[in-house]
Protein backbone atom coordinates (compact mmCIF):
# COMPACT_ATOMS: atom_id res chain seq x y z
CA MET A 1 57.64 39.77 91.38
CA ALA A 2 58.15 42.60 88.82
CA SER A 3 61.19 44.60 88.62
CA SER A 4 61.51 48.08 90.46
CA TYR A 5 63.34 51.40 89.46
CA THR A 6 65.57 53.69 91.65
CA PRO A 7 64.64 57.21 91.74
CA LEU A 8 67.13 57.80 88.90
CA GLY A 9 65.69 55.25 86.56
CA ILE A 10 68.09 52.27 87.23
CA GLU A 11 65.93 48.82 86.86
CA LYS A 12 66.30 46.52 89.86
CA MET A 13 65.16 43.14 88.47
CA ALA A 14 63.43 40.55 90.50
CA THR A 15 64.38 37.04 91.00
CA GLY A 16 63.23 34.99 87.96
CA GLU A 17 62.33 37.94 85.96
CA ASN A 18 63.51 39.09 82.37
CA ALA A 19 64.57 35.42 81.34
CA GLY A 20 66.50 35.73 77.98
CA THR A 21 66.89 39.68 78.31
CA TRP A 22 68.68 39.93 81.50
CA GLY A 23 71.94 40.88 79.59
CA THR A 24 70.24 43.28 77.69
CA LYS A 25 68.60 45.20 80.76
CA THR A 26 71.98 44.85 82.73
CA ASN A 27 73.95 46.63 79.82
CA ALA A 28 71.16 49.54 79.76
CA ASN A 29 71.46 49.64 83.39
CA LEU A 30 75.28 50.08 83.06
CA ASP A 31 74.92 52.78 80.39
CA LEU A 32 72.38 54.72 82.61
CA ILE A 33 75.04 54.71 85.43
CA GLU A 34 77.63 56.00 83.27
CA GLN A 35 75.40 58.86 82.14
CA VAL A 36 74.34 59.57 85.81
CA LEU A 37 78.09 59.48 86.81
CA GLY A 38 79.54 61.43 84.17
CA GLY A 39 77.01 62.47 81.52
CA TYR A 40 76.10 65.65 79.90
CA LYS A 41 72.56 67.19 78.84
CA ALA A 42 71.73 70.40 77.16
CA VAL A 43 68.15 71.33 78.28
CA SER A 44 66.53 74.41 76.98
CA ILE A 45 64.37 76.44 79.17
CA ALA A 46 63.83 79.31 76.84
CA GLY A 47 60.64 81.48 77.38
CA GLY A 48 59.12 83.70 79.93
CA ALA A 49 58.43 83.40 83.47
CA GLY A 50 57.59 79.59 84.18
CA THR A 51 58.87 75.98 85.03
CA THR A 52 60.70 73.58 83.31
CA ALA A 53 60.31 69.99 85.04
CA LEU A 54 63.48 67.66 84.43
CA THR A 55 62.20 64.12 84.01
CA VAL A 56 63.44 60.45 84.97
CA ALA A 57 63.03 57.86 82.46
CA ASP A 58 63.02 54.35 84.07
CA GLY A 59 65.47 52.21 82.23
CA ALA A 60 66.30 54.74 79.56
CA LEU A 61 68.75 57.39 78.80
CA THR A 62 66.29 60.08 77.66
CA GLY A 63 65.59 61.48 81.02
CA THR A 64 66.66 65.12 81.27
CA ALA A 65 67.47 64.71 85.16
CA GLN A 66 69.53 61.61 84.58
CA ALA A 67 73.17 63.14 83.76
CA ARG A 68 76.04 64.46 86.21
CA MET A 69 76.09 67.77 84.10
CA ILE A 70 73.19 69.82 82.85
CA GLU A 71 73.50 72.94 80.98
CA PHE A 72 70.61 75.38 80.73
CA THR A 73 70.26 76.96 77.30
CA GLY A 74 67.87 79.26 75.51
CA SER A 75 66.76 82.78 75.50
CA ILE A 76 64.91 83.63 78.59
CA SER A 77 62.46 86.67 78.99
CA GLY A 78 61.25 86.15 82.55
CA ASN A 79 62.29 84.29 85.75
CA ARG A 80 62.62 80.67 85.16
CA ILE A 81 62.32 77.74 87.60
CA VAL A 82 63.88 74.44 86.77
CA THR A 83 62.65 71.26 89.09
CA ILE A 84 63.45 67.58 89.75
CA PRO A 85 61.35 64.77 91.28
CA LEU A 86 61.27 64.90 95.04
CA ASP A 87 62.80 61.59 95.40
CA VAL A 88 66.03 62.16 93.14
CA GLU A 89 69.26 61.87 95.08
CA ASN A 90 72.46 63.10 93.23
CA PHE A 91 75.25 65.53 92.57
CA TYR A 92 74.70 67.89 89.70
CA ILE A 93 76.87 70.28 87.92
CA ILE A 94 74.59 73.01 86.54
CA LYS A 95 75.81 75.54 83.91
CA ASN A 96 73.71 78.50 82.84
CA THR A 97 74.30 79.70 79.59
CA THR A 98 70.83 81.17 78.91
CA SER A 99 70.59 84.65 77.50
CA GLY A 100 68.42 87.21 79.35
CA SER A 101 68.78 89.12 82.50
CA TYR A 102 66.60 86.77 84.48
CA THR A 103 66.94 84.43 87.47
CA VAL A 104 67.08 80.67 86.95
CA GLN A 105 65.91 78.93 90.20
CA PHE A 106 67.04 75.03 90.54
CA LYS A 107 64.73 73.30 93.17
CA TYR A 108 62.77 70.07 93.96
CA ALA A 109 59.18 69.80 92.30
CA SER A 110 57.54 70.76 95.54
CA GLY A 111 58.17 71.56 99.28
CA SER A 112 59.91 74.38 101.24
CA GLY A 113 63.35 72.93 101.30
CA ASP A 114 66.36 75.01 100.29
CA THR A 115 67.00 75.90 96.59
CA PHE A 116 69.82 77.47 94.62
CA THR A 117 69.12 80.73 92.12
CA PHE A 118 71.36 81.77 89.49
CA ALA A 119 71.31 85.66 89.86
CA THR A 120 70.36 87.78 86.81
CA THR A 121 74.17 88.38 85.87
CA ASN A 122 75.42 84.96 86.77
CA LYS A 123 75.98 82.87 83.72
CA GLY A 124 78.22 80.45 85.41
CA THR A 125 78.50 77.11 86.76
CA ALA A 126 77.45 75.58 90.23
CA ILE A 127 78.03 72.16 91.88
CA LEU A 128 74.96 71.21 93.63
CA PHE A 129 73.58 68.30 95.83
CA ALA A 130 70.17 67.13 95.55
CA THR A 131 69.86 65.55 99.13
CA ALA A 132 66.31 63.93 99.09
CA ASN A 133 66.50 64.30 102.88
CA ASP A 134 62.96 64.61 103.42
CA GLY A 135 60.07 62.99 101.51
CA THR A 136 58.11 66.33 101.55
CA ASN A 137 60.63 69.24 101.84
CA PRO A 138 64.04 68.12 100.41
CA ASP A 139 67.04 70.30 100.11
CA ILE A 140 69.32 71.56 97.35
CA ILE A 141 72.82 72.27 98.75
CA GLU A 142 75.41 74.36 96.86
CA ILE A 143 78.91 72.63 97.08
CA GLN A 144 81.54 75.46 98.12
CA THR A 145 84.52 74.20 95.92
CA GLY A 146 86.92 76.92 96.94
CA GLY A 147 85.30 77.43 100.32
CA ASP A 148 83.73 80.78 101.40
CA VAL A 149 86.23 83.85 102.21
CA VAL A 150 85.17 83.61 105.72
CA ASP A 151 86.67 80.01 105.90
CA ASP A 152 90.01 80.99 104.89
CA THR A 153 92.04 83.05 107.57
CA SER A 154 94.34 84.53 105.15
CA PRO A 155 93.07 84.60 101.78
CA GLN A 156 95.14 85.79 98.56
CA LEU A 157 93.96 86.84 95.23
CA GLY A 158 95.24 84.73 92.31
CA GLY A 159 94.41 87.37 89.93
CA ASN A 160 92.24 90.74 89.41
CA LEU A 161 89.07 90.90 91.43
CA ASP A 162 86.32 91.84 89.37
CA THR A 163 83.14 93.05 91.59
CA ASN A 164 80.76 92.52 88.65
CA ASN A 165 78.68 95.62 89.27
CA ASN A 166 78.59 94.68 93.09
CA ASN A 167 79.77 96.58 96.07
CA ILE A 168 81.91 95.66 99.03
CA ILE A 169 79.55 96.43 101.81
CA THR A 170 80.10 96.33 105.72
CA THR A 171 77.43 95.45 108.24
CA SER A 172 76.38 96.50 111.75
CA ASN A 173 77.99 99.96 111.32
CA ARG A 174 81.54 98.54 110.85
CA ASP A 175 84.46 100.32 109.16
CA LEU A 176 86.11 99.50 106.20
CA ASN A 177 89.82 99.26 106.81
CA LEU A 178 92.59 99.34 104.32
CA TYR A 179 95.94 98.56 106.09
CA PRO A 180 98.86 98.46 103.53
CA ASN A 181 101.85 96.86 104.75
CA GLY A 182 104.95 98.73 105.84
CA THR A 183 105.67 101.58 103.35
CA GLY A 184 102.83 100.51 101.18
CA ALA A 185 100.09 102.89 100.06
CA VAL A 186 96.49 102.75 99.10
CA GLU A 187 96.83 103.66 95.39
CA VAL A 188 93.87 104.46 93.03
CA GLY A 189 94.69 103.74 89.40
CA GLY A 190 94.11 106.20 86.61
CA ASN A 191 93.77 103.83 83.57
CA THR A 192 92.27 105.86 80.66
CA ASN A 193 91.52 108.83 83.19
CA PRO A 194 93.21 110.54 86.15
CA GLY A 195 92.83 108.65 89.28
CA THR A 196 89.83 109.94 91.24
CA LEU A 197 88.59 109.33 94.51
CA ILE A 198 85.25 110.43 95.33
CA LEU A 199 83.64 111.14 98.75
CA ASN A 200 79.96 110.91 98.28
CA CYS A 201 77.15 112.24 100.50
CA GLU A 202 74.90 109.99 102.55
CA SER A 203 72.44 109.45 99.80
CA ASN A 204 75.30 108.77 97.07
CA SER A 205 73.86 111.39 94.73
CA HIS A 206 76.72 113.70 94.79
CA GLY A 207 80.19 114.35 96.59
CA ILE A 208 83.56 115.83 96.45
CA LYS A 209 86.24 114.71 94.00
CA LEU A 210 89.81 114.25 94.73
CA GLN A 211 91.57 113.85 91.25
CA SER A 212 95.08 113.27 90.02
CA PRO A 213 96.65 115.70 87.46
CA ALA A 214 96.51 114.16 83.87
CA HIS A 215 99.29 112.26 82.62
CA SER A 216 99.92 115.03 80.00
CA ALA A 217 100.84 117.38 82.96
CA GLY A 218 103.67 115.30 83.90
CA GLN A 219 103.28 116.50 87.48
CA SER A 220 103.31 114.76 90.98
CA TYR A 221 102.15 116.46 94.20
CA THR A 222 102.08 115.41 97.81
CA LEU A 223 99.33 116.82 100.07
CA LYS A 224 100.82 116.50 103.51
CA PHE A 225 99.04 117.32 106.59
CA PRO A 226 100.52 119.15 109.22
CA THR A 227 101.99 117.59 112.69
CA GLY A 228 102.18 119.07 116.26
CA ASN A 229 99.56 120.62 118.18
CA VAL A 230 97.36 122.21 115.63
CA THR A 231 93.50 123.12 116.68
CA ALA A 232 90.66 122.43 114.44
CA ASP A 233 89.79 126.01 114.20
CA ARG A 234 93.48 126.83 112.93
CA PHE A 235 93.73 123.98 110.36
CA LEU A 236 93.89 124.67 106.72
CA LYS A 237 90.64 124.11 105.05
CA VAL A 238 88.42 124.69 102.28
CA ALA A 239 86.10 127.82 102.69
CA SER A 240 82.28 127.09 103.04
CA ILE A 241 80.84 128.04 99.72
CA THR A 242 77.53 126.98 97.98
CA GLY A 243 77.45 125.29 94.58
CA SER A 244 79.40 122.73 92.66
CA GLY A 245 82.21 122.45 90.19
CA THR A 246 86.13 122.63 90.64
CA THR A 247 87.45 123.79 94.00
CA GLY A 248 90.93 125.29 93.38
CA VAL A 249 94.00 126.37 95.40
CA GLY A 250 92.62 129.66 95.34
CA GLN A 251 89.58 128.68 97.51
CA LEU A 252 91.84 127.60 100.34
CA SER A 253 91.43 129.63 103.62
CA PHE A 254 93.20 129.62 106.99
CA ALA A 255 90.70 129.79 109.84
CA GLU A 256 92.67 131.71 112.05
CA VAL A 257 92.98 134.82 109.63
CA SER A 258 90.48 137.25 110.24
CA GLY A 259 89.52 140.35 107.86
CA GLY A 260 91.14 138.59 104.77
CA THR A 261 89.86 138.67 101.26
CA SER A 262 87.66 135.66 100.65
CA TYR A 263 89.35 132.43 100.03
CA GLN A 264 92.69 133.86 100.42
CA ALA A 265 95.31 131.84 101.98
CA VAL A 266 97.36 134.71 103.00
CA LYS A 267 96.12 138.52 103.37
CA THR A 268 98.48 140.88 101.61
CA SER A 269 97.20 144.43 102.85
CA GLY A 270 95.59 145.78 106.15
CA PHE A 271 96.64 142.71 108.05
CA THR A 272 95.98 141.93 111.85
CA ALA A 273 97.86 139.00 113.04
CA VAL A 274 96.63 136.49 115.56
CA ALA A 275 98.87 136.11 118.45
CA GLY A 276 100.36 132.78 119.02
CA GLU A 277 100.70 131.26 115.29
CA GLY A 278 100.35 134.54 112.93
CA TYR A 279 102.62 135.82 110.47
CA PHE A 280 103.14 138.73 108.23
CA CYS A 281 103.84 137.91 104.54
CA ASN A 282 104.32 140.88 102.12
CA THR A 283 103.76 139.53 98.67
CA THR A 284 103.31 142.92 96.87
CA SER A 285 105.90 145.52 95.78
CA ALA A 286 104.04 148.21 97.34
CA ALA A 287 104.48 149.35 100.86
CA PHE A 288 102.80 147.04 103.54
CA THR A 289 101.97 147.92 107.12
CA ALA A 290 100.84 145.34 109.71
CA THR A 291 99.71 145.82 113.20
CA LEU A 292 101.05 143.81 116.21
CA PRO A 293 98.40 142.33 118.47
CA ALA A 294 98.35 142.10 122.08
CA GLY A 295 100.87 139.26 123.18
CA THR A 296 101.07 136.41 125.69
CA LEU A 297 104.46 135.19 126.73
CA GLY A 298 106.08 133.12 124.18
CA ASP A 299 103.80 134.09 121.21
CA GLU A 300 105.72 134.44 117.77
CA ILE A 301 105.05 136.13 114.75
CA THR A 302 107.20 135.49 111.67
CA LEU A 303 107.95 138.67 109.28
CA ILE A 304 108.36 137.68 105.73
CA ASP A 305 109.05 140.10 102.74
CA TYR A 306 108.98 138.65 99.41
CA ALA A 307 107.34 139.54 96.22
CA GLY A 308 109.09 137.67 93.54
CA THR A 309 112.23 139.30 94.58
CA PHE A 310 112.85 140.92 97.77
CA ASP A 311 112.01 144.51 97.99
CA THR A 312 113.78 147.02 100.55
CA ASN A 313 111.93 148.87 103.04
CA ASN A 314 108.36 147.79 102.23
CA LEU A 315 107.26 145.87 105.43
CA THR A 316 106.38 147.94 108.42
CA VAL A 317 105.23 146.76 111.68
CA ALA A 318 103.45 149.11 114.10
CA PRO A 319 102.79 148.29 117.95
CA ASN A 320 98.95 148.01 118.94
CA GLY A 321 98.29 150.69 121.55
CA SER A 322 100.77 150.18 124.52
CA GLU A 323 102.25 147.24 122.80
CA LYS A 324 106.23 147.64 122.17
CA ILE A 325 108.75 146.47 119.81
CA MET A 326 112.27 145.86 121.82
CA GLY A 327 111.37 148.07 124.59
CA THR A 328 110.09 151.21 122.37
CA ALA A 329 106.81 152.22 120.61
CA ALA A 330 108.75 152.86 117.39
CA SER A 331 107.63 150.81 114.59
CA LEU A 332 109.73 148.48 112.77
CA THR A 333 110.85 148.31 109.18
CA VAL A 334 111.80 144.97 107.81
CA SER A 335 114.22 145.27 104.83
CA ILE A 336 115.83 142.83 102.70
CA GLU A 337 118.42 142.11 105.43
CA ARG A 338 115.71 141.50 108.03
CA ALA A 339 113.54 139.23 105.60
CA GLY A 340 112.44 135.85 107.59
CA LEU A 341 112.78 137.23 111.19
CA THR A 342 110.62 136.51 114.12
CA LEU A 343 108.94 138.68 116.68
CA VAL A 344 108.60 136.69 120.24
CA TYR A 345 106.33 138.21 122.91
CA THR A 346 108.28 138.51 126.12
CA ASP A 347 106.57 140.56 128.76
CA GLY A 348 104.62 143.51 129.27
CA THR A 349 107.60 145.76 129.58
CA GLN A 350 109.54 144.80 126.75
CA GLY A 351 106.73 143.24 124.41
CA TRP A 352 107.73 142.08 121.23
CA LEU A 353 111.34 141.32 120.75
CA LEU A 354 112.98 140.75 117.54
CA LYS A 355 114.59 137.26 117.19
CA ASP A 356 117.07 136.22 114.53
CA LYS A 357 116.42 132.76 113.34
């Protein structure tokens, strides 16, 4: 009976065979076993789209599939496929050092079993197990050396995370949540440019940028949202405008202010307040007249007289129709002594009552 060979080329000598050469063949087997267990081979797979078949040489060290680590080399100009014979069962450390942005697939010579593919940008190393688990459709299985993130219930980074031109994406309409611990904050670094947070449209073709001042400005700001019972139509917001470019502070508007100059946060002339949360703010050195609205019990309007320096007798508040101030229809003049006071609506008899803060 003649000798036979394993799928990786190791000779199995039959009884009575190889008289006088048994030692030589045994040594050859040991060398081959050593190569399969820890040997290295570099295999060029250069070229366009196509297939490179790794081989097994019976009883020899020349087979390209008979090493523990195999490095794929060469310049590729198309997607490449590398195959092993259907009956090979072995652990492989596969390294992809090809040049060219194309995929490299490692698979059995035929069948529909699982395969492993290096992505176009993946010039790395993979540990793979050729299972030979089926005579027709055997599988190639990737060994997860560090485990998937899903397997670790408290994963931690040991260094910076490079997304490698990929995105962090949720599925099934899930939110992407960032929860800093304690007093921690979500920080957007600036590096060589001011830190920028971009809110894109649904097509990710354009959006709104929230950008930090440049380092040379030496300034820090806090954008703080109000607390308390603030309804949506009375919140500070950016006016609706068409176009693109820089949105400055001068384009902010209060939704509850009516009749104001476009994009002004505070109107400085011909002002009519809104009962409940309005205020009169005189920011000019000229005379300024404001008209009180009809009120509801408890409504407040704050009077502010300021134009760089306080000016005397330049803020006049007049009643609206039958509305009154302190029980009289007379107008109220706010001077430097009366700056920063509040009118509180009491009832239909007294009307607006001046309240000293």
